[in-house]
PDB file of all heavy atoms in Angstrom:
ATOM      1  N   ALA A   1     139.714 165.101 182.651  1.00  0.00           N
ATOM      2  CA  ALA A   1     140.675 164.227 181.968  1.00  0.00           C
ATOM      3  C   ALA A   1     141.754 165.053 181.261  1.00  0.00           C
ATOM      4  O   ALA A   1     142.943 164.689 181.275  1.00  0.00           O
ATOM      5  CB  ALA A   1     139.944 163.339 180.966  1.00  0.00           C
ATOM      6  N   LEU A   2     141.359 166.162 180.645  1.00  0.00           N
ATOM      7  CA  LEU A   2     142.334 167.032 179.993  1.00  0.00           C
ATOM      8  C   LEU A   2     143.361 167.551 180.995  1.00  0.00           C
ATOM      9  O   LEU A   2     144.573 167.564 180.724  1.00  0.00           O
ATOM     10  CB  LEU A   2     141.607 168.209 179.323  1.00  0.00           C
ATOM     11  CG  LEU A   2     140.834 167.894 178.044  1.00  0.00           C
ATOM     12  CD1 LEU A   2     139.921 169.053 177.685  1.00  0.00           C
ATOM     13  CD2 LEU A   2     141.794 167.590 176.893  1.00  0.00           C
ATOM     14  N   ALA A   3     142.882 167.987 182.145  1.00  0.00           N
ATOM     15  CA  ALA A   3     143.791 168.512 183.161  1.00  0.00           C
ATOM     16  C   ALA A   3     144.708 167.427 183.701  1.00  0.00           C
ATOM     17  O   ALA A   3     145.911 167.647 183.902  1.00  0.00           O
ATOM     18  CB  ALA A   3     142.984 169.157 184.285  1.00  0.00           C
ATOM     19  N   GLN A   4     144.164 166.243 183.950  1.00  0.00           N
ATOM     20  CA  GLN A   4     144.977 165.146 184.476  1.00  0.00           C
ATOM     21  C   GLN A   4     146.090 164.760 183.496  1.00  0.00           C
ATOM     22  O   GLN A   4     147.236 164.550 183.891  1.00  0.00           O
ATOM     23  CB  GLN A   4     144.092 163.938 184.766  1.00  0.00           C
ATOM     24  CG  GLN A   4     143.212 164.108 185.996  1.00  0.00           C
ATOM     25  CD  GLN A   4     142.227 162.967 186.168  1.00  0.00           C
ATOM     26  OE1 GLN A   4     141.808 162.331 185.197  1.00  0.00           O
ATOM     27  NE2 GLN A   4     141.827 162.715 187.404  1.00  0.00           N
ATOM     28  N   GLN A   5     145.747 164.659 182.222  1.00  0.00           N
ATOM     29  CA  GLN A   5     146.724 164.254 181.218  1.00  0.00           C
ATOM     30  C   GLN A   5     147.771 165.330 180.954  1.00  0.00           C
ATOM     31  O   GLN A   5     148.874 165.027 180.509  1.00  0.00           O
ATOM     32  CB  GLN A   5     146.008 163.903 179.911  1.00  0.00           C
ATOM     33  CG  GLN A   5     145.188 162.637 179.962  1.00  0.00           C
ATOM     34  CD  GLN A   5     146.032 161.405 180.204  1.00  0.00           C
ATOM     35  OE1 GLN A   5     147.125 161.264 179.663  1.00  0.00           O
ATOM     36  NE2 GLN A   5     145.530 160.496 181.037  1.00  0.00           N
ATOM     37  N   SER A   6     147.409 166.598 181.230  1.00  0.00           N
ATOM     38  CA  SER A   6     148.304 167.714 180.911  1.00  0.00           C
ATOM     39  C   SER A   6     149.152 168.172 182.085  1.00  0.00           C
ATOM     40  O   SER A   6     150.049 169.007 181.909  1.00  0.00           O
ATOM     41  CB  SER A   6     147.470 168.910 180.421  1.00  0.00           C
ATOM     42  OG  SER A   6     146.678 168.560 179.308  1.00  0.00           O
ATOM     43  N   TRP A   7     148.907 167.639 183.263  1.00  0.00           N
ATOM     44  CA  TRP A   7     149.513 168.183 184.483  1.00  0.00           C
ATOM     45  C   TRP A   7     151.038 168.195 184.394  1.00  0.00           C
ATOM     46  O   TRP A   7     151.686 167.165 184.268  1.00  0.00           O
ATOM     47  CB  TRP A   7     149.066 167.378 185.698  1.00  0.00           C
ATOM     48  CG  TRP A   7     149.331 168.126 186.983  1.00  0.00           C
ATOM     49  CD1 TRP A   7     150.381 167.954 187.823  1.00  0.00           C
ATOM     50  CD2 TRP A   7     148.538 169.182 187.531  1.00  0.00           C
ATOM     51  NE1 TRP A   7     150.306 168.830 188.877  1.00  0.00           N
ATOM     52  CE2 TRP A   7     149.177 169.601 188.722  1.00  0.00           C
ATOM     53  CE3 TRP A   7     147.367 169.806 187.138  1.00  0.00           C
ATOM     54  CZ2 TRP A   7     148.671 170.630 189.519  1.00  0.00           C
ATOM     55  CZ3 TRP A   7     146.856 170.820 187.928  1.00  0.00           C
ATOM     56  CH2 TRP A   7     147.505 171.224 189.111  1.00  0.00           C
ATOM     57  N   ARG A   8     151.600 169.409 184.403  1.00  0.00           N
ATOM     58  CA  ARG A   8     153.054 169.653 184.389  1.00  0.00           C
ATOM     59  C   ARG A   8     153.770 168.963 183.224  1.00  0.00           C
ATOM     60  O   ARG A   8     154.957 168.635 183.306  1.00  0.00           O
ATOM     61  CB  ARG A   8     153.693 169.244 185.724  1.00  0.00           C
ATOM     62  CG  ARG A   8     153.205 170.097 186.897  1.00  0.00           C
ATOM     63  CD  ARG A   8     154.064 169.913 188.134  1.00  0.00           C
ATOM     64  NE  ARG A   8     153.595 170.697 189.255  1.00  0.00           N
ATOM     65  CZ  ARG A   8     153.853 171.998 189.436  1.00  0.00           C
ATOM     66  NH1 ARG A   8     154.581 172.651 188.546  1.00  0.00           N
ATOM     67  NH2 ARG A   8     153.378 172.634 190.486  1.00  0.00           N
ATOM     68  N   ARG A   9     153.069 168.799 182.106  1.00  0.00           N
ATOM     69  CA  ARG A   9     153.696 168.222 180.915  1.00  0.00           C
ATOM     70  C   ARG A   9     154.074 169.334 179.944  1.00  0.00           C
ATOM     71  O   ARG A   9     153.410 170.367 179.879  1.00  0.00           O
ATOM     72  CB  ARG A   9     152.745 167.246 180.219  1.00  0.00           C
ATOM     73  CG  ARG A   9     152.627 165.909 180.911  1.00  0.00           C
ATOM     74  CD  ARG A   9     151.757 164.949 180.118  1.00  0.00           C
ATOM     75  NE  ARG A   9     152.262 164.684 178.767  1.00  0.00           N
ATOM     76  CZ  ARG A   9     151.673 163.854 177.923  1.00  0.00           C
ATOM     77  NH1 ARG A   9     150.553 163.222 178.270  1.00  0.00           N
ATOM     78  NH2 ARG A   9     152.184 163.659 176.713  1.00  0.00           N
ATOM     79  N   PRO A  10     155.118 169.135 179.138  1.00  0.00           N
ATOM     80  CA  PRO A  10     155.479 170.134 178.126  1.00  0.00           C
ATOM     81  C   PRO A  10     154.569 170.023 176.906  1.00  0.00           C
ATOM     82  O   PRO A  10     153.921 168.991 176.682  1.00  0.00           O
ATOM     83  CB  PRO A  10     156.918 169.746 177.768  1.00  0.00           C
ATOM     84  CG  PRO A  10     156.951 168.259 177.989  1.00  0.00           C
ATOM     85  CD  PRO A  10     156.065 167.999 179.180  1.00  0.00           C
ATOM     86  N   ALA A  11     154.529 171.079 176.124  1.00  0.00           N
ATOM     87  CA  ALA A  11     153.761 171.058 174.882  1.00  0.00           C
ATOM     88  C   ALA A  11     154.512 170.239 173.840  1.00  0.00           C
ATOM     89  O   ALA A  11     155.612 170.615 173.420  1.00  0.00           O
ATOM     90  CB  ALA A  11     153.539 172.478 174.379  1.00  0.00           C
ATOM     91  N   ASP A  12     153.962 169.099 173.461  1.00  0.00           N
ATOM     92  CA  ASP A  12     154.557 168.290 172.403  1.00  0.00           C
ATOM     93  C   ASP A  12     153.444 167.601 171.626  1.00  0.00           C
ATOM     94  O   ASP A  12     152.268 167.678 171.988  1.00  0.00           O
ATOM     95  CB  ASP A  12     155.558 167.274 172.955  1.00  0.00           C
ATOM     96  CG  ASP A  12     154.964 166.351 174.020  1.00  0.00           C
ATOM     97  OD1 ASP A  12     153.737 166.109 173.992  1.00  0.00           O
ATOM     98  OD2 ASP A  12     155.718 165.874 174.884  1.00  0.00           O
ATOM     99  N   VAL A  13     153.799 166.948 170.544  1.00  0.00           N
ATOM    100  CA  VAL A  13     152.798 166.350 169.659  1.00  0.00           C
ATOM    101  C   VAL A  13     152.008 165.268 170.380  1.00  0.00           C
ATOM    102  O   VAL A  13     150.800 165.122 170.174  1.00  0.00           O
ATOM    103  CB  VAL A  13     153.475 165.788 168.394  1.00  0.00           C
ATOM    104  CG1 VAL A  13     152.474 164.990 167.559  1.00  0.00           C
ATOM    105  CG2 VAL A  13     154.055 166.925 167.553  1.00  0.00           C
ATOM    106  N   ALA A  14     152.670 164.509 171.247  1.00  0.00           N
ATOM    107  CA  ALA A  14     151.972 163.443 171.964  1.00  0.00           C
ATOM    108  C   ALA A  14     150.860 164.014 172.832  1.00  0.00           C
ATOM    109  O   ALA A  14     149.736 163.497 172.852  1.00  0.00           O
ATOM    110  CB  ALA A  14     152.958 162.644 172.812  1.00  0.00           C
ATOM    111  N   LEU A  15     151.153 165.081 173.555  1.00  0.00           N
ATOM    112  CA  LEU A  15     150.125 165.697 174.385  1.00  0.00           C
ATOM    113  C   LEU A  15     149.034 166.312 173.512  1.00  0.00           C
ATOM    114  O   LEU A  15     147.846 166.185 173.818  1.00  0.00           O
ATOM    115  CB  LEU A  15     150.742 166.770 175.284  1.00  0.00           C
ATOM    116  CG  LEU A  15     149.750 167.521 176.182  1.00  0.00           C
ATOM    117  CD1 LEU A  15     148.993 166.570 177.091  1.00  0.00           C
ATOM    118  CD2 LEU A  15     150.469 168.597 176.996  1.00  0.00           C
ATOM    119  N   ARG A  16     149.427 166.970 172.426  1.00  0.00           N
ATOM    120  CA  ARG A  16     148.434 167.570 171.528  1.00  0.00           C
ATOM    121  C   ARG A  16     147.461 166.514 171.000  1.00  0.00           C
ATOM    122  O   ARG A  16     146.242 166.767 170.929  1.00  0.00           O
ATOM    123  CB  ARG A  16     149.146 168.274 170.361  1.00  0.00           C
ATOM    124  CG  ARG A  16     148.214 168.790 169.266  1.00  0.00           C
ATOM    125  CD  ARG A  16     147.350 169.923 169.771  1.00  0.00           C
ATOM    126  NE  ARG A  16     146.402 170.347 168.746  1.00  0.00           N
ATOM    127  CZ  ARG A  16     145.182 169.834 168.580  1.00  0.00           C
ATOM    128  NH1 ARG A  16     144.762 168.862 169.391  1.00  0.00           N
ATOM    129  NH2 ARG A  16     144.389 170.275 167.634  1.00  0.00           N
ATOM    130  N   GLN A  17     147.969 165.373 170.650  1.00  0.00           N
ATOM    131  CA  GLN A  17     147.101 164.332 170.116  1.00  0.00           C
ATOM    132  C   GLN A  17     146.214 163.735 171.206  1.00  0.00           C
ATOM    133  O   GLN A  17     145.050 163.393 170.949  1.00  0.00           O
ATOM    134  CB  GLN A  17     147.934 163.263 169.418  1.00  0.00           C
ATOM    135  CG  GLN A  17     148.614 163.800 168.159  1.00  0.00           C
ATOM    136  CD  GLN A  17     149.418 162.765 167.410  1.00  0.00           C
ATOM    137  OE1 GLN A  17     149.706 161.687 167.930  1.00  0.00           O
ATOM    138  NE2 GLN A  17     149.814 163.083 166.184  1.00  0.00           N
ATOM    139  N   THR A  18     146.740 163.646 172.413  1.00  0.00           N
ATOM    140  CA  THR A  18     145.917 163.180 173.533  1.00  0.00           C
ATOM    141  C   THR A  18     144.780 164.166 173.796  1.00  0.00           C
ATOM    142  O   THR A  18     143.625 163.766 173.996  1.00  0.00           O
ATOM    143  CB  THR A  18     146.776 163.025 174.802  1.00  0.00           C
ATOM    144  OG1 THR A  18     147.758 162.014 174.588  1.00  0.00           O
ATOM    145  CG2 THR A  18     145.912 162.643 175.998  1.00  0.00           C
ATOM    146  N   ILE A  19     145.096 165.443 173.788  1.00  0.00           N
ATOM    147  CA  ILE A  19     144.082 166.469 174.008  1.00  0.00           C
ATOM    148  C   ILE A  19     143.025 166.433 172.905  1.00  0.00           C
ATOM    149  O   ILE A  19     141.820 166.553 173.165  1.00  0.00           O
ATOM    150  CB  ILE A  19     144.758 167.855 174.094  1.00  0.00           C
ATOM    151  CG1 ILE A  19     145.503 167.967 175.422  1.00  0.00           C
ATOM    152  CG2 ILE A  19     143.741 168.987 173.948  1.00  0.00           C
ATOM    153  CD1 ILE A  19     146.388 169.175 175.511  1.00  0.00           C
ATOM    154  N   GLY A  20     143.476 166.243 171.668  1.00  0.00           N
ATOM    155  CA  GLY A  20     142.527 166.141 170.570  1.00  0.00           C
ATOM    156  C   GLY A  20     141.579 164.965 170.727  1.00  0.00           C
ATOM    157  O   GLY A  20     140.366 165.094 170.512  1.00  0.00           O
ATOM    158  N   ARG A  21     142.132 163.838 171.115  1.00  0.00           N
ATOM    159  CA  ARG A  21     141.288 162.650 171.312  1.00  0.00           C
ATOM    160  C   ARG A  21     140.286 162.873 172.436  1.00  0.00           C
ATOM    161  O   ARG A  21     139.092 162.560 172.295  1.00  0.00           O
ATOM    162  CB  ARG A  21     142.177 161.438 171.627  1.00  0.00           C
ATOM    163  CG  ARG A  21     141.388 160.175 171.989  1.00  0.00           C
ATOM    164  CD  ARG A  21     142.312 159.016 172.287  1.00  0.00           C
ATOM    165  NE  ARG A  21     143.262 159.299 173.357  1.00  0.00           N
ATOM    166  CZ  ARG A  21     142.960 159.253 174.651  1.00  0.00           C
ATOM    167  NH1 ARG A  21     141.720 158.952 175.052  1.00  0.00           N
ATOM    168  NH2 ARG A  21     143.892 159.483 175.564  1.00  0.00           N
ATOM    169  N   LEU A  22     140.741 163.419 173.552  1.00  0.00           N
ATOM    170  CA  LEU A  22     139.841 163.665 174.675  1.00  0.00           C
ATOM    171  C   LEU A  22     138.771 164.691 174.307  1.00  0.00           C
ATOM    172  O   LEU A  22     137.614 164.572 174.722  1.00  0.00           O
ATOM    173  CB  LEU A  22     140.635 164.146 175.891  1.00  0.00           C
ATOM    174  CG  LEU A  22     141.541 163.105 176.549  1.00  0.00           C
ATOM    175  CD1 LEU A  22     142.420 163.753 177.607  1.00  0.00           C
ATOM    176  CD2 LEU A  22     140.711 161.980 177.157  1.00  0.00           C
ATOM    177  N   GLY A  23     139.153 165.693 173.528  1.00  0.00           N
ATOM    178  CA  GLY A  23     138.172 166.679 173.096  1.00  0.00           C
ATOM    179  C   GLY A  23     137.097 166.072 172.219  1.00  0.00           C
ATOM    180  O   GLY A  23     135.903 166.387 172.368  1.00  0.00           O
ATOM    181  N   ARG A  24     137.487 165.194 171.303  1.00  0.00           N
ATOM    182  CA  ARG A  24     136.498 164.535 170.433  1.00  0.00           C
ATOM    183  C   ARG A  24     135.599 163.593 171.226  1.00  0.00           C
ATOM    184  O   ARG A  24     134.393 163.492 170.963  1.00  0.00           O
ATOM    185  CB  ARG A  24     137.220 163.792 169.300  1.00  0.00           C
ATOM    186  CG  ARG A  24     137.850 164.733 168.281  1.00  0.00           C
ATOM    187  CD  ARG A  24     138.423 163.993 167.091  1.00  0.00           C
ATOM    188  NE  ARG A  24     139.610 163.225 167.423  1.00  0.00           N
ATOM    189  CZ  ARG A  24     140.847 163.730 167.443  1.00  0.00           C
ATOM    190  NH1 ARG A  24     141.038 165.012 167.167  1.00  0.00           N
ATOM    191  NH2 ARG A  24     141.886 162.972 167.725  1.00  0.00           N
ATOM    192  N   GLU A  25     136.174 162.920 172.222  1.00  0.00           N
ATOM    193  CA  GLU A  25     135.347 162.084 173.092  1.00  0.00           C
ATOM    194  C   GLU A  25     134.374 162.950 173.888  1.00  0.00           C
ATOM    195  O   GLU A  25     133.215 162.567 174.104  1.00  0.00           O
ATOM    196  CB  GLU A  25     136.242 161.274 174.037  1.00  0.00           C
ATOM    197  CG  GLU A  25     137.036 160.194 173.320  1.00  0.00           C
ATOM    198  CD  GLU A  25     138.059 159.520 174.233  1.00  0.00           C
ATOM    199  OE1 GLU A  25     138.163 159.930 175.417  1.00  0.00           O
ATOM    200  OE2 GLU A  25     138.751 158.589 173.765  1.00  0.00           O
ATOM    201  N   GLY A  26     134.829 164.140 174.285  1.00  0.00           N
ATOM    202  CA  GLY A  26     133.950 165.077 174.979  1.00  0.00           C
ATOM    203  C   GLY A  26     132.798 165.528 174.090  1.00  0.00           C
ATOM    204  O   GLY A  26     131.665 165.687 174.563  1.00  0.00           O
ATOM    205  N   GLU A  27     133.082 165.757 172.810  1.00  0.00           N
ATOM    206  CA  GLU A  27     132.018 166.126 171.873  1.00  0.00           C
ATOM    207  C   GLU A  27     130.960 165.038 171.808  1.00  0.00           C
ATOM    208  O   GLU A  27     129.754 165.324 171.768  1.00  0.00           O
ATOM    209  CB  GLU A  27     132.601 166.358 170.484  1.00  0.00           C
ATOM    210  CG  GLU A  27     133.329 167.675 170.320  1.00  0.00           C
ATOM    211  CD  GLU A  27     133.740 167.913 168.875  1.00  0.00           C
ATOM    212  OE1 GLU A  27     133.187 167.234 167.984  1.00  0.00           O
ATOM    213  OE2 GLU A  27     134.607 168.775 168.636  1.00  0.00           O
ATOM    214  N   GLN A  28     131.399 163.784 171.793  1.00  0.00           N
ATOM    215  CA  GLN A  28     130.444 162.672 171.747  1.00  0.00           C
ATOM    216  C   GLN A  28     129.590 162.637 173.011  1.00  0.00           C
ATOM    217  O   GLN A  28     128.375 162.398 172.940  1.00  0.00           O
ATOM    218  CB  GLN A  28     131.199 161.351 171.567  1.00  0.00           C
ATOM    219  CG  GLN A  28     131.906 161.231 170.232  1.00  0.00           C
ATOM    220  CD  GLN A  28     132.754 159.980 170.120  1.00  0.00           C
ATOM    221  OE1 GLN A  28     132.910 159.227 171.090  1.00  0.00           O
ATOM    222  NE2 GLN A  28     133.331 159.739 168.955  1.00  0.00           N
ATOM    223  N   GLN A  29     130.205 162.887 174.155  1.00  0.00           N
ATOM    224  CA  GLN A  29     129.451 162.925 175.413  1.00  0.00           C
ATOM    225  C   GLN A  29     128.460 164.080 175.411  1.00  0.00           C
ATOM    226  O   GLN A  29     127.321 163.942 175.872  1.00  0.00           O
ATOM    227  CB  GLN A  29     130.419 163.047 176.594  1.00  0.00           C
ATOM    228  CG  GLN A  29     131.304 161.830 176.790  1.00  0.00           C
ATOM    229  CD  GLN A  29     132.444 162.077 177.762  1.00  0.00           C
ATOM    230  OE1 GLN A  29     132.572 163.164 178.329  1.00  0.00           O
ATOM    231  NE2 GLN A  29     133.293 161.072 177.947  1.00  0.00           N
ATOM    232  N   MET A  30     128.885 165.213 174.877  1.00  0.00           N
ATOM    233  CA  MET A  30     128.007 166.369 174.769  1.00  0.00           C
ATOM    234  C   MET A  30     126.817 166.056 173.873  1.00  0.00           C
ATOM    235  O   MET A  30     125.660 166.345 174.225  1.00  0.00           O
ATOM    236  CB  MET A  30     128.784 167.565 174.207  1.00  0.00           C
ATOM    237  CG  MET A  30     127.942 168.793 173.899  1.00  0.00           C
ATOM    238  SD  MET A  30     128.835 169.991 172.859  1.00  0.00           S
ATOM    239  CE  MET A  30     128.762 169.148 171.256  1.00  0.00           C
TER     240      MET A  30
END
């Protein structure tokens, strides 16, 4: 999911927040 959401996107706050959310969801799955 991280790779799909990040594919060829620039570094900006929107992407950073998406990555943070996906990472926290990953922690819950872990």
